[in-house]
Structures are given as C-alpha cells and as structure tokens.
C-alpha atoms as a PDB file:
ATOM      1  CA  MET A   1      -9.986-103.131 113.957  1.00  0.00           C
ATOM      2  CA  ASP A   2     -10.367-105.039 110.735  1.00  0.00           C
ATOM      3  CA  LEU A   3     -14.172-105.224 110.787  1.00  0.00           C
ATOM      4  CA  LEU A   4     -14.457-101.438 111.103  1.00  0.00           C
ATOM      5  CA  ARG A   5     -11.818-100.837 108.427  1.00  0.00           C
ATOM      6  CA  GLN A   6     -13.680-103.100 105.985  1.00  0.00           C
ATOM      7  CA  ARG A   7     -17.006-101.358 106.633  1.00  0.00           C
ATOM      8  CA  ILE A   8     -15.429 -97.952 106.018  1.00  0.00           C
ATOM      9  CA  LEU A   9     -13.848 -99.109 102.751  1.00  0.00           C
ATOM     10  CA  ASN A  10     -16.907-101.042 101.545  1.00  0.00           C
ATOM     11  CA  ASP A  11     -19.745 -98.792 102.726  1.00  0.00           C
ATOM     12  CA  GLY A  12     -18.241 -95.374 103.514  1.00  0.00           C
ATOM     13  CA  LYS A  13     -18.851 -92.606 100.992  1.00  0.00           C
ATOM     14  CA  HIS A  14     -16.908 -89.368 100.666  1.00  0.00           C
ATOM     15  CA  LEU A  15     -19.428 -86.590 100.065  1.00  0.00           C
ATOM     16  CA  GLY A  16     -16.848 -83.833  99.586  1.00  0.00           C
ATOM     17  CA  LYS A  17     -15.692 -81.093 101.967  1.00  0.00           C
ATOM     18  CA  GLY A  18     -14.254 -83.731 104.320  1.00  0.00           C
ATOM     19  CA  ILE A  19     -17.601 -85.370 105.048  1.00  0.00           C
ATOM     20  CA  LEU A  20     -17.582 -89.168 105.277  1.00  0.00           C
ATOM     21  CA  LYS A  21     -20.996 -90.805 105.060  1.00  0.00           C
ATOM     22  CA  VAL A  22     -21.107 -93.869 107.310  1.00  0.00           C
ATOM     23  CA  ASP A  23     -24.802 -93.804 108.031  1.00  0.00           C
ATOM     24  CA  SER A  24     -25.371 -97.317 106.709  1.00  0.00           C
ATOM     25  CA  PHE A  25     -23.596 -98.751 109.769  1.00  0.00           C
ATOM     26  CA  MET A  26     -22.971 -96.055 112.381  1.00  0.00           C
ATOM     27  CA  ASN A  27     -24.851 -92.759 112.108  1.00  0.00           C
ATOM     28  CA  HIS A  28     -28.380 -93.554 110.943  1.00  0.00           C
ATOM     29  CA  GLN A  29     -28.662 -97.295 110.596  1.00  0.00           C
ATOM     30  CA  ILE A  30     -26.507 -98.940 113.247  1.00  0.00           C
ATOM     31  CA  ASP A  31     -24.770-102.288 112.922  1.00  0.00           C
ATOM     32  CA  PRO A  32     -25.141-103.607 116.492  1.00  0.00           C
ATOM     33  CA  LEU A  33     -22.467-106.283 116.146  1.00  0.00           C
ATOM     34  CA  LEU A  34     -19.966-103.735 114.856  1.00  0.00           C
ATOM     35  CA  MET A  35     -20.852-101.326 117.681  1.00  0.00           C
ATOM     36  CA  GLN A  36     -20.486-104.148 120.208  1.00  0.00           C
ATOM     37  CA  ALA A  37     -17.000-104.880 118.825  1.00  0.00           C
ATOM     38  CA  VAL A  38     -16.159-101.146 118.939  1.00  0.00           C
ATOM     39  CA  GLY A  39     -17.271-100.947 122.579  1.00  0.00           C
ATOM     40  CA  GLU A  40     -15.262-104.012 123.532  1.00  0.00           C
ATOM     41  CA  GLU A  41     -12.162-102.606 121.809  1.00  0.00           C
ATOM     42  CA  PHE A  42     -12.450 -99.277 123.620  1.00  0.00           C
ATOM     43  CA  ALA A  43     -13.031-101.113 126.921  1.00  0.00           C
ATOM     44  CA  VAL A  44      -9.760-103.015 126.431  1.00  0.00           C
ATOM     45  CA  LYS A  45      -7.896 -99.784 125.637  1.00  0.00           C
ATOM     46  CA  PHE A  46      -9.295 -97.736 128.555  1.00  0.00           C
ATOM     47  CA  LYS A  47     -10.283-100.157 131.353  1.00  0.00           C
ATOM     48  CA  GLN A  48      -6.957 -99.627 133.147  1.00  0.00           C
ATOM     49  CA  PHE A  49      -7.872 -95.961 133.724  1.00  0.00           C
ATOM     50  CA  ASN A  50     -10.965 -96.943 135.761  1.00  0.00           C
ATOM     51  CA  PRO A  51     -13.570 -94.682 134.136  1.00  0.00           C
ATOM     52  CA  THR A  52     -16.742 -94.227 136.167  1.00  0.00           C
ATOM     53  CA  ARG A  53     -18.796 -92.751 133.296  1.00  0.00           C
ATOM     54  CA  VAL A  54     -18.615 -92.499 129.522  1.00  0.00           C
ATOM     55  CA  LEU A  55     -19.459 -89.116 127.978  1.00  0.00           C
ATOM     56  CA  THR A  56     -20.436 -88.354 124.395  1.00  0.00           C
ATOM     57  CA  ALA A  57     -22.427 -85.851 122.320  1.00  0.00           C
ATOM     58  CA  GLU A  58     -25.829 -86.633 120.881  1.00  0.00           C
ATOM     59  CA  THR A  59     -26.658 -88.140 118.461  1.00  0.00           C
ATOM     60  CA  SER A  60     -24.026 -89.980 116.480  1.00  0.00           C
ATOM     61  CA  GLY A  61     -21.724 -90.622 119.422  1.00  0.00           C
ATOM     62  CA  ILE A  62     -24.371 -92.466 121.414  1.00  0.00           C
ATOM     63  CA  ALA A  63     -24.097 -95.903 119.752  1.00  0.00           C
ATOM     64  CA  PRO A  64     -20.318 -96.393 120.181  1.00  0.00           C
ATOM     65  CA  ALA A  65     -20.359 -94.714 123.603  1.00  0.00           C
ATOM     66  CA  LEU A  66     -23.213 -96.929 124.817  1.00  0.00           C
ATOM     67  CA  ALA A  67     -21.411-100.046 123.600  1.00  0.00           C
ATOM     68  CA  THR A  68     -18.284 -98.889 125.443  1.00  0.00           C
ATOM     69  CA  ALA A  69     -20.206 -98.104 128.623  1.00  0.00           C
ATOM     70  CA  MET A  70     -21.836-101.533 128.474  1.00  0.00           C
ATOM     71  CA  ALA A  71     -18.467-103.254 128.074  1.00  0.00           C
ATOM     72  CA  LEU A  72     -17.048-101.231 130.988  1.00  0.00           C
ATOM     73  CA  LYS A  73     -20.258-101.637 133.037  1.00  0.00           C
ATOM     74  CA  VAL A  74     -20.497 -97.901 133.761  1.00  0.00           C
ATOM     75  CA  PRO A  75     -23.193 -95.310 132.991  1.00  0.00           C
ATOM     76  CA  LEU A  76     -23.314 -93.380 129.729  1.00  0.00           C
ATOM     77  CA  VAL A  77     -23.977 -89.634 129.784  1.00  0.00           C
ATOM     78  CA  PHE A  78     -24.645 -87.789 126.551  1.00  0.00           C
ATOM     79  CA  ALA A  79     -24.455 -84.061 126.074  1.00  0.00           C
ATOM     80  CA  ARG A  80     -27.769 -82.808 124.750  1.00  0.00           C
ATOM     81  CA  LYS A  81     -28.141 -80.136 122.106  1.00  0.00           C
ATOM     82  CA  HIS A  82     -31.338 -78.740 123.613  1.00  0.00           C
ATOM     83  CA  LYS A  83     -32.109 -78.328 127.303  1.00  0.00           C
ATOM     84  CA  PRO A  84     -35.193 -80.304 128.343  1.00  0.00           C
ATOM     85  CA  VAL A  85     -37.464 -78.933 131.072  1.00  0.00           C
ATOM     86  CA  THR A  86     -36.486 -81.880 133.289  1.00  0.00           C
ATOM     87  CA  MET A  87     -32.805 -80.900 133.412  1.00  0.00           C
ATOM     88  CA  ALA A  88     -31.233 -79.397 136.545  1.00  0.00           C
ATOM     89  CA  ALA A  89     -31.398 -75.616 136.756  1.00  0.00           C
ATOM     90  CA  GLU A  90     -27.705 -74.909 136.114  1.00  0.00           C
ATOM     91  CA  PRO A  91     -26.281 -77.443 133.674  1.00  0.00           C
ATOM     92  CA  TYR A  92     -22.794 -77.381 132.187  1.00  0.00           C
ATOM     93  CA  VAL A  93     -22.870 -75.831 128.692  1.00  0.00           C
ATOM     94  CA  GLU A  94     -20.217 -75.604 125.961  1.00  0.00           C
ATOM     95  CA  SER A  95     -20.574 -74.632 122.305  1.00  0.00           C
ATOM     96  CA  ALA A  96     -19.007 -76.384 119.333  1.00  0.00           C
ATOM     97  CA  PRO A  97     -19.313 -76.103 115.544  1.00  0.00           C
ATOM     98  CA  SER A  98     -21.134 -78.941 113.815  1.00  0.00           C
ATOM     99  CA  HIS A  99     -19.490 -79.953 110.537  1.00  0.00           C
ATOM    100  CA  THR A 100     -22.551 -81.862 109.332  1.00  0.00           C
ATOM    101  CA  LYS A 101     -25.181 -79.395 110.605  1.00  0.00           C
ATOM    102  CA  GLY A 102     -23.268 -76.348 109.389  1.00  0.00           C
ATOM    103  CA  GLY A 103     -23.536 -74.206 112.502  1.00  0.00           C
ATOM    104  CA  ILE A 104     -22.798 -73.883 116.199  1.00  0.00           C
ATOM    105  CA  VAL A 105     -24.484 -76.258 118.640  1.00  0.00           C
ATOM    106  CA  ASP A 106     -24.643 -76.163 122.408  1.00  0.00           C
ATOM    107  CA  LEU A 107     -23.609 -79.268 124.317  1.00  0.00           C
ATOM    108  CA  ILE A 108     -25.482 -79.432 127.616  1.00  0.00           C
ATOM    109  CA  VAL A 109     -24.982 -81.863 130.508  1.00  0.00           C
ATOM    110  CA  SER A 110     -26.908 -81.843 133.768  1.00  0.00           C
ATOM    111  CA  SER A 111     -24.782 -81.231 136.840  1.00  0.00           C
ATOM    112  CA  GLU A 112     -26.485 -84.328 138.281  1.00  0.00           C
ATOM    113  CA  TYR A 113     -24.554 -86.596 135.924  1.00  0.00           C
ATOM    114  CA  LEU A 114     -21.031 -85.170 135.973  1.00  0.00           C
ATOM    115  CA  GLU A 115     -19.635 -85.097 139.477  1.00  0.00           C
ATOM    116  CA  SER A 116     -16.244 -83.984 140.740  1.00  0.00           C
ATOM    117  CA  THR A 117     -15.492 -87.555 141.877  1.00  0.00           C
ATOM    118  CA  ASP A 118     -16.049 -88.996 138.380  1.00  0.00           C
ATOM    119  CA  ARG A 119     -13.382 -90.374 136.063  1.00  0.00           C
ATOM    120  CA  ILE A 120     -14.683 -89.600 132.568  1.00  0.00           C
ATOM    121  CA  LEU A 121     -13.946 -91.395 129.314  1.00  0.00           C
ATOM    122  CA  ILE A 122     -15.072 -89.447 126.229  1.00  0.00           C
ATOM    123  CA  ILE A 123     -16.135 -91.566 123.250  1.00  0.00           C
ATOM    124  CA  ASP A 124     -17.317 -90.075 119.954  1.00  0.00           C
ATOM    125  CA  ASP A 125     -17.890 -91.226 116.403  1.00  0.00           C
ATOM    126  CA  PHE A 126     -15.288 -88.940 114.769  1.00  0.00           C
ATOM    127  CA  LEU A 127     -12.083 -87.108 115.538  1.00  0.00           C
ATOM    128  CA  ALA A 128     -11.928 -84.585 112.681  1.00  0.00           C
ATOM    129  CA  SER A 129     -11.616 -80.925 113.692  1.00  0.00           C
ATOM    130  CA  ALA A 130     -11.757 -82.099 117.360  1.00  0.00           C
ATOM    131  CA  LYS A 131     -13.886 -79.114 118.357  1.00  0.00           C
ATOM    132  CA  THR A 132     -16.653 -81.332 119.755  1.00  0.00           C
ATOM    133  CA  LEU A 133     -14.086 -83.345 121.718  1.00  0.00           C
ATOM    134  CA  VAL A 134     -12.594 -80.137 123.136  1.00  0.00           C
ATOM    135  CA  ALA A 135     -16.080 -78.943 124.132  1.00  0.00           C
ATOM    136  CA  LEU A 136     -16.744 -82.284 125.863  1.00  0.00           C
ATOM    137  CA  ALA A 137     -13.386 -82.056 127.656  1.00  0.00           C
ATOM    138  CA  ASN A 138     -14.328 -78.538 128.778  1.00  0.00           C
ATOM    139  CA  LEU A 139     -17.603 -79.895 130.209  1.00  0.00           C
ATOM    140  CA  VAL A 140     -15.589 -82.431 132.212  1.00  0.00           C
ATOM    141  CA  LYS A 141     -13.255 -79.687 133.438  1.00  0.00           C
ATOM    142  CA  ALA A 142     -16.175 -77.438 134.424  1.00  0.00           C
ATOM    143  CA  SER A 143     -17.633 -80.248 136.535  1.00  0.00           C
ATOM    144  CA  GLY A 144     -14.373 -80.835 138.380  1.00  0.00           C
ATOM    145  CA  ALA A 145     -14.305 -84.465 137.216  1.00  0.00           C
ATOM    146  CA  THR A 146     -11.139 -86.138 135.937  1.00  0.00           C
ATOM    147  CA  LEU A 147     -10.789 -86.840 132.224  1.00  0.00           C
ATOM    148  CA  VAL A 148      -9.078 -90.226 131.796  1.00  0.00           C
ATOM    149  CA  GLY A 149      -9.195 -90.773 128.027  1.00  0.00           C
ATOM    150  CA  ILE A 150     -10.678 -89.937 124.637  1.00  0.00           C
ATOM    151  CA  GLY A 151     -11.717 -92.466 122.018  1.00  0.00           C
ATOM    152  CA  ALA A 152     -12.891 -91.873 118.456  1.00  0.00           C
ATOM    153  CA  VAL A 153     -14.251 -94.586 116.224  1.00  0.00           C
ATOM    154  CA  ILE A 154     -12.917 -92.879 113.067  1.00  0.00           C
ATOM    155  CA  GLU A 155     -10.209 -90.237 112.870  1.00  0.00           C
ATOM    156  CA  LYS A 156      -9.906 -88.062 109.779  1.00  0.00           C
ATOM    157  CA  GLU A 157      -6.191 -87.385 110.184  1.00  0.00           C
ATOM    158  CA  PHE A 158      -6.062 -85.004 107.217  1.00  0.00           C
ATOM    159  CA  GLN A 159      -8.302 -82.527 109.088  1.00  0.00           C
ATOM    160  CA  GLY A 160      -5.656 -82.025 111.788  1.00  0.00           C
ATOM    161  CA  GLY A 161      -7.937 -82.213 114.814  1.00  0.00           C
ATOM    162  CA  ARG A 162      -5.456 -84.157 116.928  1.00  0.00           C
ATOM    163  CA  ALA A 163      -3.281 -81.022 117.094  1.00  0.00           C
ATOM    164  CA  LEU A 164      -6.157 -79.201 118.826  1.00  0.00           C
ATOM    165  CA  LEU A 165      -6.008 -81.867 121.550  1.00  0.00           C
ATOM    166  CA  LYS A 166      -2.268 -81.415 122.225  1.00  0.00           C
ATOM    167  CA  ASP A 167      -2.860 -79.774 125.620  1.00  0.00           C
ATOM    168  CA  ILE A 168      -5.150 -82.580 126.780  1.00  0.00           C
ATOM    169  CA  THR A 169      -2.774 -84.997 128.456  1.00  0.00           C
ATOM    170  CA  VAL A 170      -4.783 -88.227 128.428  1.00  0.00           C
ATOM    171  CA  PRO A 171      -4.599 -91.227 126.096  1.00  0.00           C
ATOM    172  CA  ILE A 172      -6.361 -90.541 122.784  1.00  0.00           C
ATOM    173  CA  GLU A 173      -7.257 -93.608 120.732  1.00  0.00           C
ATOM    174  CA  SER A 174      -8.819 -93.929 117.279  1.00  0.00           C
ATOM    175  CA  LEU A 175      -9.947 -97.313 115.975  1.00  0.00           C
ATOM    176  CA  ALA A 176      -9.558 -96.390 112.284  1.00  0.00           C
ATOM    177  CA  ILE A 177      -7.562 -93.514 110.853  1.00  0.00           C
ATOM    178  CA  ILE A 178      -8.281 -92.038 107.434  1.00  0.00           C
ATOM    179  CA  GLU A 179      -5.235 -90.419 105.814  1.00  0.00           C
ATOM    180  CA  SER A 180      -7.096 -88.936 102.860  1.00  0.00           C
ATOM    181  CA  MET A 181     -10.341 -89.021 100.904  1.00  0.00           C
ATOM    182  CA  ASP A 182      -9.337 -87.284  97.671  1.00  0.00           C
ATOM    183  CA  GLU A 183      -9.706 -89.961  94.990  1.00  0.00           C
ATOM    184  CA  LYS A 184     -10.715 -92.740  97.357  1.00  0.00           C
ATOM    185  CA  ILE A 185     -10.789 -93.411 101.085  1.00  0.00           C
ATOM    186  CA  VAL A 186      -7.235 -94.186 102.224  1.00  0.00           C
ATOM    187  CA  LEU A 187      -6.864 -95.740 105.656  1.00  0.00           C
ATOM    188  CA  LYS A 188      -3.654 -95.562 107.632  1.00  0.00           C
ATOM    189  CA  GLU A 189      -1.965 -98.926 107.969  1.00  0.00           C
ATOM    190  CA  LYS A 190      -2.148-100.574 111.347  1.00  0.00           C
ATOM    191  CA  ALA A 191       0.809 -99.874 113.592  1.00  0.00           C
ATOM    192  CA  LYS A 192       3.488-102.539 113.507  1.00  0.00           C
ATOM    193  CA  VAL A 193       3.948-104.312 116.827  1.00  0.00           C
END
C-alpha cells in the first residue's frame, strides 16, 4: 500500500526501544482517507473468508478495524481495557503486555458480542511482539467462534512477533512491513508478483 508506506516514511518517528510514533495519522490524529484505504485493502484480502465480525483492541486498533468493518459491512467489536458496569456479567478476559503503556492490560469482550457462530477477523494497528494479537485470538477461542484471519496495518518484522503466531493457522496480512528502525525506518520491499 503505497499511501501507507509514504506516510510511515514521511511522518513516522522512531522513538527508540522499538516504538514507532505514527500518531499524526493513525494513533492520535487519524487520517480518515488513509484509514478508508486501509479498510478497503483489508476487505479485499479477507472478504473470501466471510467474516461476520471484526475484532480489535482499544484504542489504536479501532480506526483501521472500523474502516475494515465498514468495507466488509459487518459489526466491529473492540476489546475494552476496563469493564464498564453495562457489560454482561461474565465477559471473556485475556491479559497482554502493552509496549506503549509499559505494563499488563486486560482485554475484555462481552459474551454478547462474540458468539460461537461468528467468523472473526482480527485487525490491529501493529504486529510487533504479537502478544495483543495472541490475546485477541484467545478471546475468539474462548467464545467458541472461528478465527478466519489477522490483519495488521504495520508489522515491525525485527521484533519477531510473527513467530509467536506460528500455531495460529489463518491468513496473517500486514499492509506495511518495517525491517529495521536503527538509523532510519527501513520498509520491506513489496513482494514481486
């Protein structure tokens, strides 16, 4: 996705310790046209698997996941980090480390919104350590639903998270892959067709 690649190279900032700041277009201020393009791209990649819901983690995954859900015309469910009083009595809960928050967070989804008949597509902003994606996949498993795919807007390949997903046998797609961020941000070349 050329538009995404250009935004990463032009506006992304490496803050050290593997943290990529993309809050000028994805994590704080959101570029709606870019997110629309991201959603449409994921819809093309995953439509054939007939997802019935898109699942993500709050907060940064919501924009690309919503755009994807809109393109697929299915509901979006996001895992909350705090249980509201309105949530069903026994929600699904998984814990995952937060690289940017520097601690462990709970990911909580109401049992009302993940059903055993669902076909779930997970969309998130990053595939880095993959621990959030594994936690989301575990939420799907706990609900009895079927996981049909995982999409990440940006993959930080150098952090090795894809290896943690090796036992998850669904398509895993990243729209931009960063090889390294030592001296500068280096994106992996597009695959040759």
